[in-house]
Protein backbone atom coordinates (compact mmCIF):
# COMPACT_ATOMS: atom_id res chain seq x y z
CA UNK A 1 -13.31 14.49 14.45
CA UNK A 2 -13.26 11.31 12.37
CA UNK A 3 -10.08 9.33 11.80
CA UNK A 4 -9.57 10.56 8.24
CA UNK A 5 -9.81 14.18 9.37
CA UNK A 6 -7.40 13.45 12.24
CA UNK A 7 -4.86 11.82 9.95
CA UNK A 8 -5.09 14.69 7.47
CA UNK A 9 -4.52 17.15 10.31
CA UNK A 10 -1.44 15.21 11.45
CA UNK A 11 -0.18 15.13 7.86
CA UNK A 12 -0.39 18.92 7.67
CA UNK A 13 2.36 19.15 10.26
CA UNK A 14 4.23 16.03 9.03
CA UNK A 15 3.51 15.82 5.29
CA UNK A 16 6.20 13.21 4.57
CA UNK A 17 5.21 10.80 7.37
CA UNK A 18 4.78 7.46 5.62
CA UNK A 19 3.10 5.82 8.59
CA UNK A 20 0.39 8.49 8.58
CA UNK A 21 -0.06 8.17 4.81
CA UNK A 22 -0.36 4.40 5.09
CA UNK A 23 -2.91 4.76 7.88
CA UNK A 24 -4.89 7.28 5.83
CA UNK A 25 -5.01 4.93 2.84
CA UNK A 26 -6.26 2.11 5.08
CA UNK A 27 -8.99 4.37 6.44
CA UNK A 28 -10.07 5.17 2.89
CA UNK A 29 -10.28 1.44 2.18
CA UNK A 30 -12.51 0.96 5.24
CA UNK A 31 -15.05 3.39 3.81
CA UNK A 32 -14.65 1.98 0.29
CA UNK A 33 -12.97 5.05 -1.20
CA UNK A 34 -10.59 2.96 -3.26
CA UNK A 35 -9.60 5.83 -5.56
CA UNK A 36 -8.41 7.96 -2.65
CA UNK A 37 -6.67 4.97 -1.05
CA UNK A 38 -4.88 4.14 -4.29
CA UNK A 39 -3.74 7.73 -4.74
CA UNK A 40 -2.31 7.85 -1.20
CA UNK A 41 -0.57 4.46 -1.52
CA UNK A 42 0.94 5.38 -4.88
CA UNK A 43 2.17 8.74 -3.60
CA UNK A 44 3.62 7.09 -0.51
CA UNK A 45 5.47 4.44 -2.52
CA UNK A 46 6.74 7.00 -5.02
CA UNK A 47 8.28 9.02 -2.18
CA UNK A 48 9.36 6.08 -0.02
CA UNK A 49 9.61 2.90 -2.08
CA UNK A 50 10.97 0.93 0.88
CA UNK A 51 7.70 1.21 2.83
CA UNK A 52 7.01 -2.43 1.99
CA UNK A 53 3.71 -2.88 3.85
CA UNK A 54 1.96 -0.61 1.40
CA UNK A 55 2.71 -2.88 -1.57
CA UNK A 56 0.55 -5.63 -0.11
CA UNK A 57 -2.41 -3.36 0.59
CA UNK A 58 -2.17 -1.60 -2.76
CA UNK A 59 -1.98 -4.97 -4.49
CA UNK A 60 -5.08 -6.20 -2.67
CA UNK A 61 -6.93 -3.00 -3.59
CA UNK A 62 -6.00 -3.50 -7.24
CA UNK A 63 -7.14 -7.12 -7.10
CA UNK A 64 -10.48 -6.07 -5.63
CA UNK A 65 -11.01 -3.51 -8.39
CA UNK A 66 -10.26 -6.05 -11.11
CA UNK A 67 -6.81 -4.74 -12.05
CA UNK A 68 -5.10 -8.11 -11.85
CA UNK A 69 -2.06 -7.27 -13.99
CA UNK A 70 -1.42 -4.09 -12.02
CA UNK A 71 -1.74 -6.03 -8.75
CA UNK A 72 0.79 -8.60 -9.98
CA UNK A 73 3.22 -5.80 -10.89
CA UNK A 74 2.81 -4.20 -7.45
CA UNK A 75 3.42 -7.53 -5.70
CA UNK A 76 6.52 -8.14 -7.83
CA UNK A 77 7.96 -4.72 -7.10
CA UNK A 78 7.17 -5.14 -3.40
CA UNK A 79 8.84 -8.55 -3.36
CA UNK A 80 11.95 -7.07 -4.94
CA UNK A 81 12.07 -4.22 -2.41
CA UNK A 82 11.35 -6.53 0.54
CA UNK A 83 14.16 -8.85 -0.62
CA UNK A 84 16.55 -5.92 -0.92
CA UNK A 85 15.52 -4.69 2.55
CA UNK A 86 15.88 -8.24 3.94
CA UNK A 87 12.28 -8.09 5.19
CA UNK A 88 11.44 -11.75 4.74
CA UNK A 89 8.07 -11.50 6.48
CA UNK A 90 6.86 -8.91 4.00
CA UNK A 91 8.48 -10.83 1.14
CA UNK A 92 6.62 -14.01 2.07
CA UNK A 93 3.26 -12.21 2.34
CA UNK A 94 3.76 -10.55 -1.03
CA UNK A 95 4.91 -13.81 -2.59
CA UNK A 96 1.80 -15.64 -1.29
CA UNK A 97 -0.48 -12.91 -2.68
CA UNK A 98 1.41 -13.02 -5.99
CA UNK A 99 1.11 -16.80 -6.22
CA UNK A 100 -2.63 -16.61 -5.54
CA UNK A 101 -2.96 -14.54 -8.72
CA UNK A 102 -0.46 -16.30 -10.94
CA UNK A 103 -0.94 -20.00 -10.16
């Protein structure tokens, strides 16, 4: 069974598990299924907006697909959430990615 199938099977028994959703989105990125990855990241962040690691990866995906303004918005929202959660590591990573696009 491939990793995507495994993760989907795990999600059947734990459909709200953000870690599994994040891992699934990353697997989709590995095989260049950006549309599926984006859908999973967006669903994850809609249901659990404090899962800050997904903002970075979604932003990078949007950058790669030429959606610069959307990537900037994702980084900004992620920075806000990371600041609120006092996750300075995530904040700094998001800020660096944001600055790369806006400077």
